[in-house]
C-alpha atoms as a PDB file:
ATOM      1  CA  UNK A   1      12.514  31.193  -4.266  1.00  0.00           C
ATOM      2  CA  UNK A   2       8.863  32.048  -3.768  1.00  0.00           C
ATOM      3  CA  UNK A   3       7.771  28.793  -5.031  1.00  0.00           C
ATOM      4  CA  UNK A   4       9.861  27.052  -2.356  1.00  0.00           C
ATOM      5  CA  UNK A   5       8.202  29.535   0.355  1.00  0.00           C
ATOM      6  CA  UNK A   6       4.690  28.808  -0.900  1.00  0.00           C
ATOM      7  CA  UNK A   7       5.063  25.147  -0.932  1.00  0.00           C
ATOM      8  CA  UNK A   8       6.207  25.479   2.741  1.00  0.00           C
ATOM      9  CA  UNK A   9       3.389  27.685   3.543  1.00  0.00           C
ATOM     10  CA  UNK A  10       0.961  24.959   1.988  1.00  0.00           C
ATOM     11  CA  UNK A  11       2.743  22.144   3.548  1.00  0.00           C
ATOM     12  CA  UNK A  12       2.522  24.284   7.465  1.00  0.00           C
ATOM     13  CA  UNK A  13      -1.329  25.173   6.329  1.00  0.00           C
ATOM     14  CA  UNK A  14      -2.214  21.623   6.006  1.00  0.00           C
ATOM     15  CA  UNK A  15      -0.829  20.447   9.027  1.00  0.00           C
ATOM     16  CA  UNK A  16      -2.068  23.121  11.275  1.00  0.00           C
ATOM     17  CA  UNK A  17      -5.852  22.648   9.783  1.00  0.00           C
ATOM     18  CA  UNK A  18      -5.023  18.827   9.929  1.00  0.00           C
ATOM     19  CA  UNK A  19      -6.073  18.826   6.430  1.00  0.00           C
ATOM     20  CA  UNK A  20      -3.057  16.652   5.496  1.00  0.00           C
ATOM     21  CA  UNK A  21      -4.854  13.674   3.464  1.00  0.00           C
ATOM     22  CA  UNK A  22      -6.090  16.626   0.936  1.00  0.00           C
ATOM     23  CA  UNK A  23      -2.598  17.954   0.165  1.00  0.00           C
ATOM     24  CA  UNK A  24      -1.221  14.256  -0.271  1.00  0.00           C
ATOM     25  CA  UNK A  25       0.344  13.383   3.343  1.00  0.00           C
ATOM     26  CA  UNK A  26       0.663  10.271   4.979  1.00  0.00           C
ATOM     27  CA  UNK A  27      -2.897  10.114   6.103  1.00  0.00           C
ATOM     28  CA  UNK A  28      -3.564   9.211   2.121  1.00  0.00           C
ATOM     29  CA  UNK A  29      -2.617   5.887   3.299  1.00  0.00           C
ATOM     30  CA  UNK A  30      -5.142   2.955   2.969  1.00  0.00           C
ATOM     31  CA  UNK A  31      -5.554   1.137   6.279  1.00  0.00           C
ATOM     32  CA  UNK A  32      -6.801  -2.448   6.394  1.00  0.00           C
ATOM     33  CA  UNK A  33      -9.773  -1.212   8.601  1.00  0.00           C
ATOM     34  CA  UNK A  34     -11.358  -0.139   4.999  1.00  0.00           C
ATOM     35  CA  UNK A  35     -12.509  -3.293   3.388  1.00  0.00           C
ATOM     36  CA  UNK A  36     -11.435  -2.335  -0.074  1.00  0.00           C
ATOM     37  CA  UNK A  37     -13.708  -3.542  -2.928  1.00  0.00           C
ATOM     38  CA  UNK A  38     -11.877  -4.598  -6.348  1.00  0.00           C
ATOM     39  CA  UNK A  39     -14.249  -3.052  -8.856  1.00  0.00           C
ATOM     40  CA  UNK A  40     -14.335   0.222  -7.190  1.00  0.00           C
ATOM     41  CA  UNK A  41     -10.888   0.486  -5.388  1.00  0.00           C
ATOM     42  CA  UNK A  42      -8.470  -1.981  -7.472  1.00  0.00           C
ATOM     43  CA  UNK A  43      -9.214  -2.385 -10.796  1.00  0.00           C
ATOM     44  CA  UNK A  44      -9.277   1.338 -11.884  1.00  0.00           C
ATOM     45  CA  UNK A  45      -5.407   1.503 -10.424  1.00  0.00           C
ATOM     46  CA  UNK A  46      -4.644  -1.868 -12.575  1.00  0.00           C
ATOM     47  CA  UNK A  47      -6.637  -0.703 -15.547  1.00  0.00           C
ATOM     48  CA  UNK A  48      -4.852   2.482 -16.042  1.00  0.00           C
ATOM     49  CA  UNK A  49      -1.346   1.282 -15.224  1.00  0.00           C
ATOM     50  CA  UNK A  50      -0.916  -2.358 -15.435  1.00  0.00           C
ATOM     51  CA  UNK A  51      -3.167  -4.029 -18.207  1.00  0.00           C
ATOM     52  CA  UNK A  52      -1.946  -2.195 -20.942  1.00  0.00           C
ATOM     53  CA  UNK A  53       1.243  -4.655 -20.360  1.00  0.00           C
ATOM     54  CA  UNK A  54      -0.371  -7.211 -18.037  1.00  0.00           C
ATOM     55  CA  UNK A  55      -3.845  -7.618 -19.302  1.00  0.00           C
ATOM     56  CA  UNK A  56      -6.183  -9.738 -21.646  1.00  0.00           C
ATOM     57  CA  UNK A  57      -4.303  -8.722 -24.945  1.00  0.00           C
ATOM     58  CA  UNK A  58      -1.883 -11.518 -25.512  1.00  0.00           C
ATOM     59  CA  UNK A  59      -0.728  -9.381 -28.144  1.00  0.00           C
ATOM     60  CA  UNK A  60       0.875  -6.593 -25.988  1.00  0.00           C
ATOM     61  CA  UNK A  61       1.183  -8.919 -22.787  1.00  0.00           C
ATOM     62  CA  UNK A  62       4.813  -8.411 -21.403  1.00  0.00           C
ATOM     63  CA  UNK A  63       6.887 -11.049 -19.155  1.00  0.00           C
ATOM     64  CA  UNK A  64       3.966 -13.915 -19.720  1.00  0.00           C
ATOM     65  CA  UNK A  65       2.254 -11.890 -16.821  1.00  0.00           C
ATOM     66  CA  UNK A  66      -1.781 -11.289 -16.501  1.00  0.00           C
ATOM     67  CA  UNK A  67      -2.952  -8.975 -13.384  1.00  0.00           C
ATOM     68  CA  UNK A  68      -6.397  -8.991 -15.020  1.00  0.00           C
ATOM     69  CA  UNK A  69      -7.049 -12.604 -13.538  1.00  0.00           C
ATOM     70  CA  UNK A  70      -6.464 -14.355 -10.037  1.00  0.00           C
ATOM     71  CA  UNK A  71      -5.009 -17.331 -11.447  1.00  0.00           C
ATOM     72  CA  UNK A  72      -2.047 -16.174 -13.337  1.00  0.00           C
ATOM     73  CA  UNK A  73      -1.580 -13.191 -10.950  1.00  0.00           C
ATOM     74  CA  UNK A  74      -1.107 -15.652  -8.003  1.00  0.00           C
ATOM     75  CA  UNK A  75       0.710 -18.062  -9.806  1.00  0.00           C
ATOM     76  CA  UNK A  76       4.583 -18.040  -9.911  1.00  0.00           C
ATOM     77  CA  UNK A  77       6.169 -15.732 -12.578  1.00  0.00           C
ATOM     78  CA  UNK A  78       6.749 -17.501 -15.816  1.00  0.00           C
ATOM     79  CA  UNK A  79      10.068 -15.418 -16.116  1.00  0.00           C
ATOM     80  CA  UNK A  80      10.869 -15.380 -12.251  1.00  0.00           C
ATOM     81  CA  UNK A  81      10.703 -19.188 -10.798  1.00  0.00           C
ATOM     82  CA  UNK A  82      10.084 -18.993  -7.361  1.00  0.00           C
ATOM     83  CA  UNK A  83       8.198 -15.220  -6.989  1.00  0.00           C
ATOM     84  CA  UNK A  84       4.708 -14.394  -7.165  1.00  0.00           C
ATOM     85  CA  UNK A  85       3.290 -11.357  -8.647  1.00  0.00           C
ATOM     86  CA  UNK A  86       0.758 -11.485  -5.944  1.00  0.00           C
ATOM     87  CA  UNK A  87       0.969 -13.479  -2.537  1.00  0.00           C
ATOM     88  CA  UNK A  88      -2.805 -12.889  -1.121  1.00  0.00           C
ATOM     89  CA  UNK A  89      -2.032 -11.600   2.671  1.00  0.00           C
ATOM     90  CA  UNK A  90       1.743 -10.864   2.084  1.00  0.00           C
ATOM     91  CA  UNK A  91       2.367  -7.488   0.231  1.00  0.00           C
ATOM     92  CA  UNK A  92       6.280  -7.887   1.408  1.00  0.00           C
ATOM     93  CA  UNK A  93       6.395 -11.335  -0.628  1.00  0.00           C
ATOM     94  CA  UNK A  94       4.396  -9.769  -3.722  1.00  0.00           C
ATOM     95  CA  UNK A  95       6.608  -9.012  -6.653  1.00  0.00           C
ATOM     96  CA  UNK A  96       3.973  -6.032  -7.746  1.00  0.00           C
ATOM     97  CA  UNK A  97       4.669  -4.348  -4.579  1.00  0.00           C
ATOM     98  CA  UNK A  98       8.450  -4.614  -5.061  1.00  0.00           C
ATOM     99  CA  UNK A  99       8.315  -3.195  -8.402  1.00  0.00           C
ATOM    100  CA  UNK A 100       5.859  -0.284  -7.731  1.00  0.00           C
ATOM    101  CA  UNK A 101       8.039   0.895  -4.923  1.00  0.00           C
ATOM    102  CA  UNK A 102      11.215   0.468  -6.320  1.00  0.00           C
ATOM    103  CA  UNK A 103      13.271   3.575  -6.882  1.00  0.00           C
ATOM    104  CA  UNK A 104      14.996   1.796  -9.982  1.00  0.00           C
ATOM    105  CA  UNK A 105      13.648   3.068 -12.992  1.00  0.00           C
ATOM    106  CA  UNK A 106      14.598  -0.247 -15.087  1.00  0.00           C
ATOM    107  CA  UNK A 107      12.968  -1.944 -12.285  1.00  0.00           C
ATOM    108  CA  UNK A 108      10.137  -0.070 -11.123  1.00  0.00           C
ATOM    109  CA  UNK A 109       6.422  -0.537 -12.899  1.00  0.00           C
ATOM    110  CA  UNK A 110       4.844   0.967 -14.722  1.00  0.00           C
ATOM    111  CA  UNK A 111       7.862   0.795 -16.864  1.00  0.00           C
ATOM    112  CA  UNK A 112       9.062   4.185 -18.260  1.00  0.00           C
ATOM    113  CA  UNK A 113       5.546   5.714 -17.182  1.00  0.00           C
ATOM    114  CA  UNK A 114       4.883   7.860 -14.216  1.00  0.00           C
ATOM    115  CA  UNK A 115       5.303   5.956 -10.988  1.00  0.00           C
ATOM    116  CA  UNK A 116       1.811   5.343  -8.814  1.00  0.00           C
ATOM    117  CA  UNK A 117       0.704   7.654  -6.278  1.00  0.00           C
ATOM    118  CA  UNK A 118       1.447   6.887  -2.808  1.00  0.00           C
ATOM    119  CA  UNK A 119      -2.332   6.535  -2.613  1.00  0.00           C
ATOM    120  CA  UNK A 120      -2.288   4.161  -5.343  1.00  0.00           C
ATOM    121  CA  UNK A 121       0.467   2.194  -3.608  1.00  0.00           C
ATOM    122  CA  UNK A 122      -1.030   2.044  -0.275  1.00  0.00           C
ATOM    123  CA  UNK A 123      -4.341   0.808  -1.691  1.00  0.00           C
ATOM    124  CA  UNK A 124      -2.765  -1.828  -3.664  1.00  0.00           C
ATOM    125  CA  UNK A 125      -0.957  -3.116  -0.330  1.00  0.00           C
ATOM    126  CA  UNK A 126      -4.016  -2.993   1.742  1.00  0.00           C
ATOM    127  CA  UNK A 127      -5.826  -5.024  -0.877  1.00  0.00           C
ATOM    128  CA  UNK A 128      -2.840  -7.522  -0.833  1.00  0.00           C
ATOM    129  CA  UNK A 129      -2.906  -7.745   3.055  1.00  0.00           C
ATOM    130  CA  UNK A 130      -6.728  -8.292   2.799  1.00  0.00           C
ATOM    131  CA  UNK A 131      -6.119 -11.506   0.745  1.00  0.00           C
ATOM    132  CA  UNK A 132      -6.241  -9.728  -2.627  1.00  0.00           C
ATOM    133  CA  UNK A 133      -9.499 -10.890  -3.531  1.00  0.00           C
ATOM    134  CA  UNK A 134     -10.788 -10.818  -7.220  1.00  0.00           C
ATOM    135  CA  UNK A 135     -14.366  -9.761  -8.409  1.00  0.00           C
ATOM    136  CA  UNK A 136     -15.731 -10.597 -12.044  1.00  0.00           C
ATOM    137  CA  UNK A 137     -16.318  -7.173 -13.748  1.00  0.00           C
ATOM    138  CA  UNK A 138     -19.275  -5.000 -12.476  1.00  0.00           C
ATOM    139  CA  UNK A 139     -21.350  -5.541 -15.656  1.00  0.00           C
ATOM    140  CA  UNK A 140     -21.283  -9.375 -15.307  1.00  0.00           C
ATOM    141  CA  UNK A 141     -22.322  -9.582 -12.097  1.00  0.00           C
ATOM    142  CA  UNK A 142     -26.502  -9.633 -11.762  1.00  0.00           C
ATOM    143  CA  UNK A 143     -28.030  -6.736  -9.895  1.00  0.00           C
ATOM    144  CA  UNK A 144     -28.482  -7.403  -6.058  1.00  0.00           C
ATOM    145  CA  UNK A 145     -31.718  -5.899  -4.566  1.00  0.00           C
ATOM    146  CA  UNK A 146     -31.162  -4.284  -1.233  1.00  0.00           C
ATOM    147  CA  UNK A 147     -33.714  -3.679   1.694  1.00  0.00           C
ATOM    148  CA  UNK A 148     -34.541  -0.048   2.165  1.00  0.00           C
END
């Protein structure tokens, strides 16, 4: 009972001080106004949660799906004709979004692991809405000089 009261007090306090984002609320959702950077915002989410089964290692790859390269990620899913993992500009048509937001534990990804946070899901949805642009690994991109 004390734990419930403490959680309620924290929630009320977050709303009262307008700090909902630091408490894991709706303001964690990423809007399309913020231009996302693949290497900074997206690659870490995919690396931590998806590449284990859908990355560059052919030996551990599941369902024939690669999410580390745009071609295979945008292409027709090998085991689901007519479906695409990522449909640039259309998160509602992207199988990735259906899977990461599913409440069915047999369908939800990452499979048999902790679900993505609301902020991670929102970030991936916003990235797809922005066209799901991939970028080369940062270490393979020549450095740029910026004017001060």
